[in-house]
Amino acid sequence: MGELKPYLAMFLIQLIYSGLTLFSKAAFNEGINVHVFVFYRQLTGAVILVPLALILERYIAVPFSFIIFCKIFMFSFFGLTLTLNMQAVGLVYTSATLAAAFNNTLPASTFFFAVLLRMERVNIRTISGITKIGSVLLCMVGVATLAFYKGPQLGTVHHRLSGSHNHNSQQHEDHFSSRTRWILGSFLLFLAMIMWSFWLIIQAQFLKSYPSKLMFTSVQCLSSSIQSFGVAIAFERDIQQWKLGWNIELLAVVYCGTLVTAVAYYMQAWVIEKKGPVFIAIWNPLSFVIATTGSILLLGEPLHLGSVLGGILLVSSLYSVLWAKSKEGMTHQNSLPFQTHTETTQAV
């Protein structure tokens, strides 16, 4: 039974991440302001994480100076506040299926930045090196397919989670055509993944000097909630838009703040410790499948051929990177007289 726990945990994690996309999209369909939603989500996460950090790492956490706090504050602004707000707007302009598909660009984009910063090496004379470069190109083709090619509609079902109208979509309908909104939303989703990838890279470097991960994460979440409040108040001054009733909007906020920020991140950290980061990445396409099925059955979103083709290209890009990494790992281990292997991982 112990061997099955990581697999069960990863299934639950991907299920939670799929719910994140579906519940967020349903809340936006009901009319909640995207920036207000991000603020409530980050505030809920901070309310949970800060007490946990004070309890669990009160005496063992590395104290940080004002300079370190400023760095964490900036990390949270670019890696959380801007990224989550762009993802939210992109989700409004597109679909839950597309948002879930773009999550599969994360390994390729992270690898791209790692190469630029010389944290990753590419040997174009090896099969694994050529595969890595090909995976980045395949990722770009997949992104272009999702953004610029919708294709024929494959099917739709009457929705059950969302309301009968899409307030946010109607709000922007006068300013953007459907195609323009789709392209803009795709660009925002892709840009959010790029910023998330870069954030992971610089965060990994920072945690070498500040290893208290729970305290670091809680301070980031608290900082992001403060920043998100400033963004939300700048875009939405109507007090009515800040009120949450007993509906899908409140459910989405609580879901994202508790299950995603607290439960999923903790479970992910545990799985990484047991199986390593590659094991986590292998399961990424599952959330795309679940979110796509849920968006059709629960939200009534039409499935287009372009989304299917683009999703297949992104999943292929993901597994190409994983295969190349595993190939290099096997080669490196075979070249060592004694196998020594340590992994430093983190959960955000």
Foldseek 3Di string as FASTA:
>chain_A
DVVCVLVVLLVVLLVLVLVLLVLLLQLQQQPFDQLLLLLLLLVLQLVPLVVVCCVVCVPPFDDDDPVVLVVLLVLLVLQPQLLSSLLSLLCLLAHSLLLLLLVLCQVLLLVVVCVVVVVDDADPVDPLNVLSVVLNVLLVVLLCLQLQPQADWDDFDDAARHDPGRNVCVVCCVPDPSSRSSNSSSVSSNVSSNSNSVSVVVVVVVCVVGVSQSVSLSSSSVSSSVVSVVVCCVVDVDVVSNDDDPGSSVVSSNSSSDCVSPVSLVSVVVSCVVPNPLVSLLSSCVSSVVSVVCCRHHVGDTHGPSSVVSSVSSNVSSVSNSVSVVVVVVVVQVPDPDDDDDDDDHTD
